[in-house]
Amino acid sequence: MRKIFLAVALISAASSALAQLHPKSPMPPIGPQPNNGAMVASVDPSLMESMILTRTDVVVPKDLESIEGTVTLTALIDPTGHVMQLKAISGPAILYQAVIDSVRQWTYRPFTMNGRPVQVSTQIIVPIKKLADK
């Protein structure tokens, strides 16, 4: 009995140590997730990029034109393909608002599961290049 208790304690300690070494990714969970009764599909960013119907360019303020980088957002897209929620999670923080203002206007082809449009949780990756490089 003592050996079983010791084994369980070691496994628990190892799991805790691993969780600290490998924190959870900012990616949403894989598979359908409930959201206030509606199904939310977690969809790969590259697949969602192929489903963009309208995209507006990011307008970078003149005083920030020398800044470049990649801004990554988490997004919730409604069943009709409109962006509902955005949150910047990485990239140059000074560019977050310009990227969010642009991406909020994008529309997507509705994502379907079992023939029915569903909400989508995904990441949107937006590269920003210096104006001279465009």
Protein backbone atom coordinates (compact mmCIF):
# COMPACT_ATOMS: atom_id res chain seq x y z
CA MET A 1 0.00 0.00 0.00
CA ARG A 2 2.83 2.38 0.85
CA LYS A 3 4.43 1.74 -2.59
CA ILE A 4 1.18 2.68 -4.36
CA PHE A 5 0.88 5.90 -2.35
CA LEU A 6 4.51 6.78 -3.14
CA ALA A 7 3.96 6.09 -6.86
CA VAL A 8 0.85 8.28 -6.94
CA ALA A 9 2.70 11.09 -5.14
CA LEU A 10 5.60 10.88 -7.63
CA ILE A 11 3.25 10.95 -10.63
CA SER A 12 1.40 13.95 -9.19
CA ALA A 13 4.66 15.83 -8.57
CA ALA A 14 5.92 15.03 -12.08
CA SER A 15 2.66 16.26 -13.62
CA SER A 16 2.90 19.53 -11.70
CA ALA A 17 6.51 20.02 -12.77
CA LEU A 18 5.65 19.33 -16.41
CA ALA A 19 2.76 21.79 -16.32
CA GLN A 20 5.13 24.49 -15.10
CA LEU A 21 7.73 23.69 -17.77
CA HIS A 22 5.17 23.59 -20.57
CA PRO A 23 2.45 26.17 -19.85
CA LYS A 24 -0.75 25.87 -21.78
CA SER A 25 -0.70 27.30 -25.28
CA PRO A 26 -2.82 30.36 -26.11
CA MET A 27 -4.49 28.29 -28.85
CA PRO A 28 -8.12 27.45 -28.19
CA PRO A 29 -8.97 23.81 -27.45
CA ILE A 30 -9.41 21.51 -30.42
CA GLY A 31 -12.88 20.39 -31.37
CA PRO A 32 -16.34 21.83 -30.83
CA GLN A 33 -16.76 23.78 -27.60
CA PRO A 34 -20.05 24.94 -26.10
CA ASN A 35 -20.56 28.74 -25.92
CA ASN A 36 -23.83 29.83 -24.33
CA GLY A 37 -25.63 26.96 -26.00
CA ALA A 38 -24.00 27.58 -29.42
CA MET A 39 -21.32 25.28 -30.80
CA VAL A 40 -17.90 26.84 -31.35
CA ALA A 41 -15.46 25.06 -33.67
CA SER A 42 -11.74 25.59 -33.10
CA VAL A 43 -10.33 26.01 -36.59
CA ASP A 44 -6.73 26.13 -37.79
CA PRO A 45 -5.60 29.66 -38.76
CA SER A 46 -4.46 28.59 -42.24
CA LEU A 47 -7.89 27.10 -43.02
CA MET A 48 -9.66 30.26 -41.85
CA GLU A 49 -7.31 32.39 -43.95
CA SER A 50 -8.49 30.50 -47.02
CA MET A 51 -12.10 31.38 -46.08
CA ILE A 52 -11.65 35.18 -46.01
CA LEU A 53 -14.19 36.89 -48.28
CA THR A 54 -13.30 40.54 -47.62
CA ARG A 55 -10.10 41.87 -46.11
CA THR A 56 -9.12 45.46 -45.39
CA ASP A 57 -5.48 46.52 -45.24
CA VAL A 58 -4.04 47.56 -41.91
CA VAL A 59 -3.64 51.33 -41.76
CA VAL A 60 -0.54 52.05 -39.71
CA PRO A 61 -0.31 55.60 -38.32
CA LYS A 62 2.39 57.66 -40.04
CA ASP A 63 4.55 57.88 -36.91
CA LEU A 64 4.60 54.05 -36.66
CA GLU A 65 5.49 53.26 -40.28
CA SER A 66 9.02 52.21 -39.33
CA ILE A 67 7.72 49.41 -37.08
CA GLU A 68 7.29 45.91 -38.43
CA GLY A 69 6.37 42.55 -37.00
CA THR A 70 3.62 39.99 -36.86
CA VAL A 71 0.54 40.54 -34.74
CA THR A 72 -1.37 37.44 -33.65
CA LEU A 73 -4.99 37.74 -32.56
CA THR A 74 -7.44 35.27 -31.08
CA ALA A 75 -10.82 35.63 -32.75
CA LEU A 76 -14.39 34.51 -32.39
CA ILE A 77 -16.27 34.55 -35.70
CA ASP A 78 -20.05 34.25 -35.81
CA PRO A 79 -21.95 31.72 -37.95
CA THR A 80 -22.50 34.33 -40.68
CA GLY A 81 -18.73 34.96 -41.02
CA HIS A 82 -18.50 38.27 -39.15
CA VAL A 83 -15.82 38.92 -36.53
CA MET A 84 -17.39 39.06 -33.05
CA GLN A 85 -14.40 39.27 -30.71
CA LEU A 86 -10.69 39.96 -31.10
CA LYS A 87 -7.81 39.93 -28.66
CA ALA A 88 -4.18 40.61 -29.50
CA ILE A 89 -1.89 38.00 -27.95
CA SER A 90 1.51 38.67 -29.51
CA GLY A 91 3.50 41.04 -31.68
CA PRO A 92 4.41 44.72 -31.37
CA ALA A 93 1.86 46.05 -28.87
CA ILE A 94 1.95 49.51 -30.44
CA LEU A 95 0.39 47.99 -33.61
CA TYR A 96 -2.41 46.09 -31.84
CA GLN A 97 -5.13 48.70 -32.27
CA ALA A 98 -4.42 49.30 -35.99
CA VAL A 99 -4.55 45.55 -36.66
CA ILE A 100 -7.72 45.04 -34.58
CA ASP A 101 -9.43 47.96 -36.36
CA SER A 102 -8.65 46.37 -39.72
CA VAL A 103 -9.46 42.74 -38.89
CA ARG A 104 -12.77 43.72 -37.27
CA GLN A 105 -13.96 44.60 -40.82
CA TRP A 106 -12.98 41.27 -42.38
CA THR A 107 -15.67 38.77 -43.34
CA TYR A 108 -15.38 35.02 -43.78
CA ARG A 109 -17.27 32.34 -45.63
CA PRO A 110 -19.38 30.65 -42.92
CA PHE A 111 -17.77 27.57 -41.40
CA THR A 112 -20.11 24.59 -41.24
CA MET A 113 -20.31 21.41 -39.18
CA ASN A 114 -22.83 18.76 -40.19
CA GLY A 115 -24.16 21.19 -42.79
CA ARG A 116 -24.90 23.97 -40.27
CA PRO A 117 -22.97 27.24 -39.85
CA VAL A 118 -21.22 27.49 -36.46
CA GLN A 119 -19.17 30.01 -34.52
CA VAL A 120 -15.42 29.69 -34.95
CA SER A 121 -12.57 30.20 -32.52
CA THR A 122 -9.25 30.71 -34.29
CA GLN A 123 -6.08 32.74 -34.44
CA ILE A 124 -5.45 35.41 -37.06
CA ILE A 125 -1.84 36.13 -37.97
CA VAL A 126 -1.21 39.55 -39.54
CA PRO A 127 2.30 40.42 -40.78
CA ILE A 128 3.14 44.14 -40.81
CA LYS A 129 6.01 45.35 -42.98
CA LYS A 130 7.72 48.73 -42.97
CA LEU A 131 6.11 51.11 -45.45
CA ALA A 132 9.30 51.23 -47.53
CA ASP A 133 9.22 47.41 -47.78
CA LYS A 134 5.62 47.17 -49.05
